[in-house]
């Protein structure tokens, strides 16, 4: 039986966390991103925009397991949504560096799409796609926590 480990932040009696306060691989990727990546003026990328979602989840007490950050899932779903809206998805790419040495071409999007992306991320992906993505590796307790964190974020936007 495959038991899922809980990655919730739990404080001990001294007030010190017994779990990481952030997802180590995410921060390592973020460090490489900040050191190596230059997104041209007038464009954005999904990896940097996901920082807001990751911050919300980590501040709320949920830490994604290593290699489970949804940037690729978000990118695929976002491009599919754009195509359904009749928007051409032939975008430029940038070299996205990974801590293990891989370099992958990842799309960059014109800033004109940024408001649509942020709206889509929280009103479509987070509500419709994220639950299916995380149920692959989350416990029911973690899914409830993620849902509560996302609902709090959505209620602050509404």
C-alpha atoms as a PDB file:
ATOM      1  CA  UNK A   1       0.000   0.000   0.000  1.00  0.00           C
ATOM      2  CA  UNK A   2       1.346   3.417  -0.978  1.00  0.00           C
ATOM      3  CA  UNK A   3       1.033   5.734   2.001  1.00  0.00           C
ATOM      4  CA  UNK A   4       1.425   9.434   1.360  1.00  0.00           C
ATOM      5  CA  UNK A   5       3.658  11.386   3.697  1.00  0.00           C
ATOM      6  CA  UNK A   6       2.229  14.514   5.211  1.00  0.00           C
ATOM      7  CA  UNK A   7       4.229  17.652   4.496  1.00  0.00           C
ATOM      8  CA  UNK A   8       2.373  20.059   6.733  1.00  0.00           C
ATOM      9  CA  UNK A   9       4.294  22.565   8.819  1.00  0.00           C
ATOM     10  CA  UNK A  10       4.088  21.447  12.432  1.00  0.00           C
ATOM     11  CA  UNK A  11       5.495  23.459  15.314  1.00  0.00           C
ATOM     12  CA  UNK A  12       6.957  21.868  18.403  1.00  0.00           C
ATOM     13  CA  UNK A  13       6.508  23.305  21.895  1.00  0.00           C
ATOM     14  CA  UNK A  14       9.532  25.577  21.469  1.00  0.00           C
ATOM     15  CA  UNK A  15       7.870  27.170  18.445  1.00  0.00           C
ATOM     16  CA  UNK A  16      10.426  25.813  15.985  1.00  0.00           C
ATOM     17  CA  UNK A  17       9.202  24.172  12.813  1.00  0.00           C
ATOM     18  CA  UNK A  18       9.837  20.430  12.467  1.00  0.00           C
ATOM     19  CA  UNK A  19       9.300  20.597   8.676  1.00  0.00           C
ATOM     20  CA  UNK A  20      10.888  22.768   6.013  1.00  0.00           C
ATOM     21  CA  UNK A  21       9.330  26.213   5.644  1.00  0.00           C
ATOM     22  CA  UNK A  22       9.633  25.969   1.875  1.00  0.00           C
ATOM     23  CA  UNK A  23      10.075  23.388  -0.833  1.00  0.00           C
ATOM     24  CA  UNK A  24      13.855  22.986  -1.214  1.00  0.00           C
ATOM     25  CA  UNK A  25      13.888  22.055  -4.908  1.00  0.00           C
ATOM     26  CA  UNK A  26      11.581  24.979  -5.731  1.00  0.00           C
ATOM     27  CA  UNK A  27      13.960  27.380  -4.009  1.00  0.00           C
ATOM     28  CA  UNK A  28      16.941  25.811  -5.731  1.00  0.00           C
ATOM     29  CA  UNK A  29      15.182  26.226  -9.080  1.00  0.00           C
ATOM     30  CA  UNK A  30      14.246  29.784  -8.141  1.00  0.00           C
ATOM     31  CA  UNK A  31      17.893  30.525  -7.332  1.00  0.00           C
ATOM     32  CA  UNK A  32      18.986  29.227 -10.761  1.00  0.00           C
ATOM     33  CA  UNK A  33      16.182  31.209 -12.364  1.00  0.00           C
ATOM     34  CA  UNK A  34      17.267  34.437 -10.690  1.00  0.00           C
ATOM     35  CA  UNK A  35      20.946  33.859 -11.506  1.00  0.00           C
ATOM     36  CA  UNK A  36      20.668  32.566 -15.060  1.00  0.00           C
ATOM     37  CA  UNK A  37      17.427  33.788 -16.610  1.00  0.00           C
ATOM     38  CA  UNK A  38      16.756  37.055 -18.360  1.00  0.00           C
ATOM     39  CA  UNK A  39      13.145  37.366 -19.479  1.00  0.00           C
ATOM     40  CA  UNK A  40      12.944  40.150 -22.073  1.00  0.00           C
ATOM     41  CA  UNK A  41      11.113  43.333 -21.152  1.00  0.00           C
ATOM     42  CA  UNK A  42       7.480  43.023 -22.227  1.00  0.00           C
ATOM     43  CA  UNK A  43       7.218  39.289 -21.439  1.00  0.00           C
ATOM     44  CA  UNK A  44       6.469  37.036 -18.467  1.00  0.00           C
ATOM     45  CA  UNK A  45       6.984  33.368 -17.749  1.00  0.00           C
ATOM     46  CA  UNK A  46       4.893  30.889 -15.821  1.00  0.00           C
ATOM     47  CA  UNK A  47       7.692  29.867 -13.463  1.00  0.00           C
ATOM     48  CA  UNK A  48       8.026  33.359 -12.026  1.00  0.00           C
ATOM     49  CA  UNK A  49       4.244  33.843 -11.824  1.00  0.00           C
ATOM     50  CA  UNK A  50       3.856  30.575  -9.897  1.00  0.00           C
ATOM     51  CA  UNK A  51       5.915  32.154  -7.143  1.00  0.00           C
ATOM     52  CA  UNK A  52       2.717  33.823  -5.910  1.00  0.00           C
ATOM     53  CA  UNK A  53       0.852  30.515  -5.704  1.00  0.00           C
ATOM     54  CA  UNK A  54       3.811  28.787  -4.039  1.00  0.00           C
ATOM     55  CA  UNK A  55       4.092  31.643  -1.529  1.00  0.00           C
ATOM     56  CA  UNK A  56       0.378  31.424  -0.711  1.00  0.00           C
ATOM     57  CA  UNK A  57       0.556  27.653  -0.208  1.00  0.00           C
ATOM     58  CA  UNK A  58       3.752  27.706   1.844  1.00  0.00           C
ATOM     59  CA  UNK A  59       2.531  30.616   3.995  1.00  0.00           C
ATOM     60  CA  UNK A  60      -0.643  28.623   4.594  1.00  0.00           C
ATOM     61  CA  UNK A  61       1.339  25.584   5.715  1.00  0.00           C
ATOM     62  CA  UNK A  62       1.544  23.353   2.620  1.00  0.00           C
ATOM     63  CA  UNK A  63       4.877  22.420   1.061  1.00  0.00           C
ATOM     64  CA  UNK A  64       4.879  20.658  -2.326  1.00  0.00           C
ATOM     65  CA  UNK A  65       6.998  17.512  -2.412  1.00  0.00           C
ATOM     66  CA  UNK A  66      10.175  17.625  -4.504  1.00  0.00           C
ATOM     67  CA  UNK A  67       9.623  17.437  -8.254  1.00  0.00           C
ATOM     68  CA  UNK A  68       5.893  18.088  -7.915  1.00  0.00           C
ATOM     69  CA  UNK A  69       5.793  21.852  -8.511  1.00  0.00           C
ATOM     70  CA  UNK A  70       3.053  22.339 -11.137  1.00  0.00           C
ATOM     71  CA  UNK A  71       4.822  24.727 -13.539  1.00  0.00           C
ATOM     72  CA  UNK A  72       4.794  22.268 -16.463  1.00  0.00           C
ATOM     73  CA  UNK A  73       1.181  21.300 -15.788  1.00  0.00           C
ATOM     74  CA  UNK A  74       0.194  24.968 -15.616  1.00  0.00           C
ATOM     75  CA  UNK A  75       2.037  25.746 -18.862  1.00  0.00           C
ATOM     76  CA  UNK A  76       0.360  22.921 -20.769  1.00  0.00           C
ATOM     77  CA  UNK A  77      -3.110  23.820 -19.467  1.00  0.00           C
ATOM     78  CA  UNK A  78      -2.572  27.555 -20.085  1.00  0.00           C
ATOM     79  CA  UNK A  79      -1.583  26.989 -23.727  1.00  0.00           C
ATOM     80  CA  UNK A  80      -4.576  24.691 -24.222  1.00  0.00           C
ATOM     81  CA  UNK A  81      -6.866  27.381 -22.773  1.00  0.00           C
ATOM     82  CA  UNK A  82      -5.297  30.028 -25.027  1.00  0.00           C
ATOM     83  CA  UNK A  83      -5.878  27.850 -28.096  1.00  0.00           C
ATOM     84  CA  UNK A  84      -9.528  27.397 -27.062  1.00  0.00           C
ATOM     85  CA  UNK A  85      -9.765  31.193 -26.953  1.00  0.00           C
ATOM     86  CA  UNK A  86      -8.427  31.357 -30.514  1.00  0.00           C
ATOM     87  CA  UNK A  87      -5.051  32.758 -29.426  1.00  0.00           C
ATOM     88  CA  UNK A  88      -1.967  31.627 -31.336  1.00  0.00           C
ATOM     89  CA  UNK A  89       0.397  29.797 -28.962  1.00  0.00           C
ATOM     90  CA  UNK A  90       3.538  30.110 -31.049  1.00  0.00           C
ATOM     91  CA  UNK A  91       5.456  32.059 -28.380  1.00  0.00           C
ATOM     92  CA  UNK A  92       9.167  32.706 -27.960  1.00  0.00           C
ATOM     93  CA  UNK A  93      11.041  30.599 -25.441  1.00  0.00           C
ATOM     94  CA  UNK A  94      13.755  31.168 -22.870  1.00  0.00           C
ATOM     95  CA  UNK A  95      16.310  28.678 -21.484  1.00  0.00           C
ATOM     96  CA  UNK A  96      14.977  27.418 -18.134  1.00  0.00           C
ATOM     97  CA  UNK A  97      17.803  26.021 -15.975  1.00  0.00           C
ATOM     98  CA  UNK A  98      17.372  23.142 -13.541  1.00  0.00           C
ATOM     99  CA  UNK A  99      19.675  22.378 -10.600  1.00  0.00           C
ATOM    100  CA  UNK A 100      20.534  18.969 -12.130  1.00  0.00           C
ATOM    101  CA  UNK A 101      22.048  20.675 -15.190  1.00  0.00           C
ATOM    102  CA  UNK A 102      19.118  20.343 -17.603  1.00  0.00           C
ATOM    103  CA  UNK A 103      18.210  23.345 -19.708  1.00  0.00           C
ATOM    104  CA  UNK A 104      14.728  23.328 -21.201  1.00  0.00           C
ATOM    105  CA  UNK A 105      13.101  25.808 -23.549  1.00  0.00           C
ATOM    106  CA  UNK A 106      10.039  27.269 -21.822  1.00  0.00           C
ATOM    107  CA  UNK A 107       7.513  29.691 -23.269  1.00  0.00           C
ATOM    108  CA  UNK A 108       7.440  33.366 -22.488  1.00  0.00           C
ATOM    109  CA  UNK A 109       4.230  35.300 -23.005  1.00  0.00           C
ATOM    110  CA  UNK A 110       3.567  38.939 -23.914  1.00  0.00           C
ATOM    111  CA  UNK A 111       2.731  41.106 -20.905  1.00  0.00           C
ATOM    112  CA  UNK A 112      -0.652  41.860 -22.493  1.00  0.00           C
ATOM    113  CA  UNK A 113      -1.668  38.306 -21.492  1.00  0.00           C
ATOM    114  CA  UNK A 114      -0.555  38.658 -17.850  1.00  0.00           C
ATOM    115  CA  UNK A 115      -3.927  39.826 -16.459  1.00  0.00           C
ATOM    116  CA  UNK A 116      -5.656  36.969 -18.316  1.00  0.00           C
ATOM    117  CA  UNK A 117      -3.068  34.500 -17.005  1.00  0.00           C
ATOM    118  CA  UNK A 118      -3.491  35.569 -13.377  1.00  0.00           C
ATOM    119  CA  UNK A 119      -7.268  35.445 -13.693  1.00  0.00           C
ATOM    120  CA  UNK A 120      -7.122  32.035 -15.419  1.00  0.00           C
ATOM    121  CA  UNK A 121      -4.619  30.616 -12.902  1.00  0.00           C
ATOM    122  CA  UNK A 122      -6.853  31.200  -9.889  1.00  0.00           C
ATOM    123  CA  UNK A 123     -10.305  30.887 -11.466  1.00  0.00           C
ATOM    124  CA  UNK A 124      -9.631  27.944 -13.769  1.00  0.00           C
ATOM    125  CA  UNK A 125      -6.398  26.062 -13.059  1.00  0.00           C
ATOM    126  CA  UNK A 126      -6.437  26.241  -9.268  1.00  0.00           C
ATOM    127  CA  UNK A 127     -10.119  25.296  -9.076  1.00  0.00           C
ATOM    128  CA  UNK A 128     -10.410  22.755 -11.894  1.00  0.00           C
ATOM    129  CA  UNK A 129      -6.937  21.349 -12.551  1.00  0.00           C
ATOM    130  CA  UNK A 130      -4.866  21.676  -9.361  1.00  0.00           C
ATOM    131  CA  UNK A 131      -7.055  19.269  -7.320  1.00  0.00           C
ATOM    132  CA  UNK A 132      -6.494  16.494  -9.882  1.00  0.00           C
ATOM    133  CA  UNK A 133      -2.789  17.287 -10.043  1.00  0.00           C
ATOM    134  CA  UNK A 134      -2.217  17.162  -6.281  1.00  0.00           C
ATOM    135  CA  UNK A 135      -4.388  14.123  -5.549  1.00  0.00           C
ATOM    136  CA  UNK A 136      -1.629  12.018  -7.158  1.00  0.00           C
ATOM    137  CA  UNK A 137       0.657  12.686  -4.187  1.00  0.00           C
ATOM    138  CA  UNK A 138      -1.380  14.391  -1.437  1.00  0.00           C
ATOM    139  CA  UNK A 139      -3.195  12.957   1.521  1.00  0.00           C
ATOM    140  CA  UNK A 140      -6.867  13.905   2.051  1.00  0.00           C
ATOM    141  CA  UNK A 141      -5.703  16.168   4.912  1.00  0.00           C
ATOM    142  CA  UNK A 142      -3.320  17.997   2.579  1.00  0.00           C
ATOM    143  CA  UNK A 143      -5.999  18.411  -0.089  1.00  0.00           C
ATOM    144  CA  UNK A 144      -8.277  20.017   2.524  1.00  0.00           C
ATOM    145  CA  UNK A 145      -5.448  22.367   3.528  1.00  0.00           C
ATOM    146  CA  UNK A 146      -4.694  23.314  -0.087  1.00  0.00           C
ATOM    147  CA  UNK A 147      -8.395  23.936  -0.714  1.00  0.00           C
ATOM    148  CA  UNK A 148      -8.643  26.181   2.353  1.00  0.00           C
ATOM    149  CA  UNK A 149      -5.556  28.167   1.344  1.00  0.00           C
ATOM    150  CA  UNK A 150      -6.802  28.640  -2.213  1.00  0.00           C
ATOM    151  CA  UNK A 151     -10.296  29.614  -1.039  1.00  0.00           C
ATOM    152  CA  UNK A 152      -8.762  32.232   1.257  1.00  0.00           C
ATOM    153  CA  UNK A 153      -6.776  33.626  -1.691  1.00  0.00           C
ATOM    154  CA  UNK A 154      -9.847  33.644  -3.935  1.00  0.00           C
ATOM    155  CA  UNK A 155     -11.986  35.375  -1.321  1.00  0.00           C
ATOM    156  CA  UNK A 156      -9.379  38.130  -1.000  1.00  0.00           C
ATOM    157  CA  UNK A 157      -9.552  38.731  -4.751  1.00  0.00           C
ATOM    158  CA  UNK A 158     -13.337  38.700  -5.106  1.00  0.00           C
END
